[in-house]
């Protein structure tokens, strides 16, 4: 689903994780998620991500 390969599923914990270093914040994942489990934050609000891209 993610064109940047920022999302992967960990079957051992039955969770999806987002690699913030790969995520561009396009929102495709958020719209595709049937459970509204994803939220997008401004990059400036995420520690270590401000100023990227």
C-alpha atoms as a PDB file:
ATOM      1  CA  UNK A   1       0.000   0.000   0.000  1.00  0.00           C
ATOM      2  CA  UNK A   2       2.771   2.505   0.825  1.00  0.00           C
ATOM      3  CA  UNK A   3       4.709   3.597  -2.230  1.00  0.00           C
ATOM      4  CA  UNK A   4       7.617   4.592   0.015  1.00  0.00           C
ATOM      5  CA  UNK A   5       7.759   1.248   1.890  1.00  0.00           C
ATOM      6  CA  UNK A   6       7.238   3.078   5.168  1.00  0.00           C
ATOM      7  CA  UNK A   7       4.665   0.629   6.548  1.00  0.00           C
ATOM      8  CA  UNK A   8       5.160  -2.964   7.551  1.00  0.00           C
ATOM      9  CA  UNK A   9       3.190  -5.514   9.483  1.00  0.00           C
ATOM     10  CA  UNK A  10       4.754  -7.364  12.409  1.00  0.00           C
ATOM     11  CA  UNK A  11       2.855 -10.650  12.728  1.00  0.00           C
ATOM     12  CA  UNK A  12       4.516 -11.485  16.048  1.00  0.00           C
ATOM     13  CA  UNK A  13       2.699  -8.597  17.744  1.00  0.00           C
ATOM     14  CA  UNK A  14      -0.119  -8.216  15.201  1.00  0.00           C
ATOM     15  CA  UNK A  15       0.724  -4.567  14.649  1.00  0.00           C
ATOM     16  CA  UNK A  16       1.599  -2.276  11.801  1.00  0.00           C
ATOM     17  CA  UNK A  17       4.550   0.048  12.263  1.00  0.00           C
ATOM     18  CA  UNK A  18       5.420   3.192  10.332  1.00  0.00           C
ATOM     19  CA  UNK A  19       9.045   4.015   9.593  1.00  0.00           C
ATOM     20  CA  UNK A  20       9.056   7.787  10.050  1.00  0.00           C
ATOM     21  CA  UNK A  21      12.326   8.124   8.148  1.00  0.00           C
ATOM     22  CA  UNK A  22      10.625   6.717   5.031  1.00  0.00           C
ATOM     23  CA  UNK A  23       7.180   8.280   5.476  1.00  0.00           C
ATOM     24  CA  UNK A  24       6.451  11.341   3.322  1.00  0.00           C
ATOM     25  CA  UNK A  25       3.118  12.084   5.005  1.00  0.00           C
ATOM     26  CA  UNK A  26       1.074  11.705   1.814  1.00  0.00           C
ATOM     27  CA  UNK A  27      -1.923  10.221   3.678  1.00  0.00           C
ATOM     28  CA  UNK A  28      -2.620   7.274   1.358  1.00  0.00           C
ATOM     29  CA  UNK A  29      -2.335   4.843   4.285  1.00  0.00           C
ATOM     30  CA  UNK A  30      -4.709   6.874   6.399  1.00  0.00           C
ATOM     31  CA  UNK A  31      -7.397   6.837   3.733  1.00  0.00           C
ATOM     32  CA  UNK A  32      -6.881   3.116   3.054  1.00  0.00           C
ATOM     33  CA  UNK A  33      -7.174   2.082   6.714  1.00  0.00           C
ATOM     34  CA  UNK A  34     -10.667   0.745   7.339  1.00  0.00           C
ATOM     35  CA  UNK A  35     -10.385   1.201  11.101  1.00  0.00           C
ATOM     36  CA  UNK A  36      -9.218   4.849  11.188  1.00  0.00           C
ATOM     37  CA  UNK A  37      -6.204   3.666  13.175  1.00  0.00           C
ATOM     38  CA  UNK A  38      -3.760   6.129  11.594  1.00  0.00           C
ATOM     39  CA  UNK A  39      -3.452   9.848  12.196  1.00  0.00           C
ATOM     40  CA  UNK A  40      -1.093  12.234  10.490  1.00  0.00           C
ATOM     41  CA  UNK A  41       0.682  14.892  12.500  1.00  0.00           C
ATOM     42  CA  UNK A  42       2.594  17.876  11.175  1.00  0.00           C
ATOM     43  CA  UNK A  43       6.226  16.810  10.846  1.00  0.00           C
ATOM     44  CA  UNK A  44       7.235  19.677  13.156  1.00  0.00           C
ATOM     45  CA  UNK A  45       5.222  18.049  15.961  1.00  0.00           C
ATOM     46  CA  UNK A  46       7.075  14.712  15.736  1.00  0.00           C
ATOM     47  CA  UNK A  47      10.377  14.588  17.663  1.00  0.00           C
ATOM     48  CA  UNK A  48      13.328  14.074  15.328  1.00  0.00           C
ATOM     49  CA  UNK A  49      11.302  14.668  12.156  1.00  0.00           C
ATOM     50  CA  UNK A  50      11.069  18.460  11.951  1.00  0.00           C
ATOM     51  CA  UNK A  51      12.729  19.891   8.864  1.00  0.00           C
ATOM     52  CA  UNK A  52      12.786  16.638   6.888  1.00  0.00           C
ATOM     53  CA  UNK A  53      11.511  16.720   3.298  1.00  0.00           C
END
